[in-house]
Each structure stands twice: as structure tokens, then as C-alpha cells.
């Protein structure tokens, strides 16, 4: 009499669901995008022409 094999070995945890893998891939891609933008000198704060004026460290008005 043939026994049906168990779907998973009892010593190993079951694999992650597909939605967990997809969500992890999206999070990883967004994190990589933020790192690349940061290293290239761009950031989300500088979008839409929101450049900050240079700071005046002398304390005197021009």
C-alpha cells in the first residue's frame, strides 16, 4: 500500500506566501531607489523646485 507524501517536512517551516514575497520586493525596490537618489545628490525634499537658499553664517545682513 503506497503512502501519500506529506506536503512539507515537519522540521522545516512552510514557505512564505506570494503576497509576502511581492510586498518584500516592492519595499526592497523603494529602499534601493531612495539610496540611489540620496547618493546621486537628489532627494524627495528637493522636488518641485523646493531648493533651499544658502545659509548666511556670518550673521550680517547684506
N, C-alpha and C. Protein backbone atom coordinates (compact mmCIF):
# COMPACT_ATOMS: atom_id res chain seq x y z
N UNK A 1 0.84 -1.16 0.00
CA UNK A 1 0.00 0.00 0.00
C UNK A 1 0.90 1.24 0.00
N UNK A 2 0.69 2.13 -0.95
CA UNK A 2 1.53 3.33 -1.08
C UNK A 2 1.00 4.43 -0.18
N UNK A 3 1.93 5.07 0.48
CA UNK A 3 1.55 6.19 1.34
C UNK A 3 1.70 7.49 0.55
N UNK A 4 0.79 8.42 0.81
CA UNK A 4 0.91 9.72 0.15
C UNK A 4 1.95 10.54 0.90
N UNK A 5 2.84 11.22 0.18
CA UNK A 5 3.86 12.02 0.85
C UNK A 5 3.25 13.25 1.52
N UNK A 6 3.84 13.66 2.62
CA UNK A 6 3.38 14.86 3.30
C UNK A 6 3.80 16.08 2.47
N UNK A 7 3.00 17.12 2.47
CA UNK A 7 3.34 18.28 1.65
C UNK A 7 4.62 19.00 2.11
N UNK A 8 4.87 19.03 3.40
CA UNK A 8 6.05 19.70 3.93
C UNK A 8 6.70 18.81 4.98
N UNK A 9 8.00 18.89 5.06
CA UNK A 9 8.72 18.20 6.11
C UNK A 9 8.41 18.89 7.43
N UNK A 10 8.24 18.15 8.47
CA UNK A 10 7.87 18.75 9.76
C UNK A 10 9.01 19.56 10.38
N UNK A 11 10.24 19.35 9.94
CA UNK A 11 11.37 20.07 10.52
C UNK A 11 11.57 21.44 9.88
N UNK A 12 11.01 21.67 8.69
CA UNK A 12 11.20 22.95 8.02
C UNK A 12 9.89 23.74 8.05
N UNK A 13 9.99 25.07 8.20
CA UNK A 13 8.76 25.88 8.19
C UNK A 13 8.19 25.96 6.77
N UNK A 14 6.90 26.23 6.65
CA UNK A 14 6.31 26.34 5.31
C UNK A 14 6.85 27.57 4.60
N UNK A 15 6.83 27.58 3.27
CA UNK A 15 7.34 28.74 2.53
C UNK A 15 6.44 29.96 2.71
N UNK A 16 7.00 31.14 2.48
CA UNK A 16 6.24 32.37 2.63
C UNK A 16 5.19 32.47 1.52
N UNK A 17 4.03 33.06 1.83
CA UNK A 17 3.01 33.25 0.79
C UNK A 17 3.50 34.22 -0.29
N UNK A 18 2.86 34.17 -1.43
CA UNK A 18 3.27 35.00 -2.56
C UNK A 18 3.15 36.49 -2.24
N UNK A 19 2.09 36.89 -1.51
CA UNK A 19 1.92 38.32 -1.23
C UNK A 19 3.03 38.85 -0.34
N UNK A 20 3.60 38.01 0.51
CA UNK A 20 4.70 38.44 1.37
C UNK A 20 5.95 38.66 0.51
N UNK A 21 6.18 37.78 -0.45
CA UNK A 21 7.34 37.92 -1.35
C UNK A 21 7.21 39.17 -2.22
N UNK A 22 6.00 39.42 -2.74
CA UNK A 22 5.77 40.60 -3.58
C UNK A 22 5.94 41.88 -2.77
N UNK A 23 5.36 41.93 -1.57
CA UNK A 23 5.49 43.11 -0.73
C UNK A 23 6.95 43.36 -0.35
N UNK A 24 7.68 42.31 -0.06
CA UNK A 24 9.10 42.45 0.26
C UNK A 24 9.90 42.97 -0.92
N UNK A 25 9.57 42.53 -2.12
CA UNK A 25 10.24 43.02 -3.32
C UNK A 25 9.96 44.50 -3.56
N UNK A 26 8.72 44.92 -3.33
CA UNK A 26 8.37 46.33 -3.50
C UNK A 26 9.10 47.20 -2.49
N UNK A 27 9.13 46.77 -1.24
CA UNK A 27 9.82 47.52 -0.19
C UNK A 27 11.32 47.60 -0.50
N UNK A 28 11.89 46.51 -0.95
CA UNK A 28 13.32 46.49 -1.30
C UNK A 28 13.61 47.43 -2.47
N UNK A 29 12.74 47.45 -3.48
CA UNK A 29 12.93 48.33 -4.63
C UNK A 29 12.83 49.80 -4.23
N UNK A 30 11.87 50.14 -3.36
CA UNK A 30 11.74 51.53 -2.91
C UNK A 30 12.94 51.95 -2.07
N UNK A 31 13.42 51.06 -1.23
CA UNK A 31 14.60 51.37 -0.42
C UNK A 31 15.82 51.59 -1.31
N UNK A 32 15.98 50.77 -2.31
CA UNK A 32 17.09 50.93 -3.25
C UNK A 32 16.97 52.25 -4.00
N UNK A 33 15.75 52.64 -4.39
CA UNK A 33 15.53 53.91 -5.08
C UNK A 33 15.92 55.09 -4.19
N UNK A 34 15.55 55.06 -2.93
CA UNK A 34 15.89 56.14 -2.00
C UNK A 34 17.40 56.22 -1.82
N UNK A 35 18.07 55.10 -1.72
CA UNK A 35 19.53 55.09 -1.55
C UNK A 35 20.20 55.66 -2.79
N UNK A 36 19.76 55.26 -3.97
CA UNK A 36 20.36 55.77 -5.22
C UNK A 36 20.13 57.27 -5.34
N UNK A 37 18.92 57.73 -5.04
CA UNK A 37 18.64 59.17 -5.09
C UNK A 37 19.50 59.94 -4.10
N UNK A 38 19.68 59.40 -2.92
CA UNK A 38 20.49 60.06 -1.90
C UNK A 38 21.95 60.15 -2.33
N UNK A 39 22.49 59.07 -2.87
CA UNK A 39 23.88 59.05 -3.28
C UNK A 39 24.13 59.91 -4.52
N UNK A 40 23.12 60.12 -5.34
CA UNK A 40 23.29 60.95 -6.53
C UNK A 40 23.09 62.43 -6.24
N UNK A 41 22.76 62.78 -5.00
CA UNK A 41 22.59 64.19 -4.63
C UNK A 41 21.17 64.67 -4.73
N UNK A 42 20.26 63.83 -5.10
CA UNK A 42 18.84 64.19 -5.17
C UNK A 42 18.15 63.67 -3.92
N UNK A 43 17.01 64.26 -3.64
CA UNK A 43 16.19 63.73 -2.55
C UNK A 43 14.75 64.13 -2.81
N UNK A 44 13.85 63.54 -2.08
CA UNK A 44 12.44 63.85 -2.26
C UNK A 44 12.12 65.26 -1.76
N UNK A 45 12.92 65.82 -0.86
CA UNK A 45 12.70 67.17 -0.35
C UNK A 45 13.04 68.24 -1.37
N UNK A 46 13.82 67.91 -2.38
CA UNK A 46 14.23 68.90 -3.38
C UNK A 46 13.35 68.86 -4.63
N UNK A 47 12.30 68.08 -4.61
CA UNK A 47 11.42 68.02 -5.78
C UNK A 47 10.57 69.28 -5.87
N UNK A 48 10.04 69.54 -7.04
CA UNK A 48 9.13 70.64 -7.32
C UNK A 48 9.80 71.99 -7.09
N UNK A 49 11.09 72.09 -7.33
CA UNK A 49 11.79 73.37 -7.22
C UNK A 49 11.92 73.86 -5.80
N UNK A 50 11.90 72.98 -4.84
CA UNK A 50 11.97 73.38 -3.44
C UNK A 50 13.38 73.49 -2.91
N UNK A 51 14.29 74.04 -3.70
CA UNK A 51 15.67 74.18 -3.25
C UNK A 51 15.74 75.22 -2.13
N UNK A 52 16.54 74.94 -1.14
CA UNK A 52 16.68 75.87 -0.01
C UNK A 52 17.75 76.90 -0.35
N UNK A 53 17.57 78.15 0.07
CA UNK A 53 18.59 79.16 -0.17
C UNK A 53 19.82 78.87 0.68
N UNK A 54 21.01 79.34 0.25
CA UNK A 54 22.20 79.11 1.04
C UNK A 54 22.12 79.84 2.38
N UNK A 55 22.71 79.24 3.40
CA UNK A 55 22.67 79.84 4.73
C UNK A 55 23.74 80.91 4.86
N UNK A 56 23.44 81.94 5.62
CA UNK A 56 24.39 83.02 5.88
C UNK A 56 24.98 82.77 7.27
N UNK A 57 26.25 82.38 7.34
CA UNK A 57 26.85 82.04 8.61
C UNK A 57 27.51 83.24 9.30
N UNK A 58 27.65 84.35 8.60
CA UNK A 58 28.34 85.49 9.22
C UNK A 58 27.46 86.26 10.18
N UNK A 59 26.16 86.13 10.04
CA UNK A 59 25.25 86.83 10.95
C UNK A 59 24.99 88.26 10.51
N UNK A 60 25.64 88.76 9.46
CA UNK A 60 25.42 90.12 8.98
C UNK A 60 24.47 90.09 7.81
N UNK A 61 23.63 91.14 7.75
CA UNK A 61 22.72 91.27 6.64
C UNK A 61 23.42 91.91 5.46
N UNK A 62 23.16 91.51 4.23
CA UNK A 62 23.83 92.11 3.08
C UNK A 62 23.34 93.52 2.79
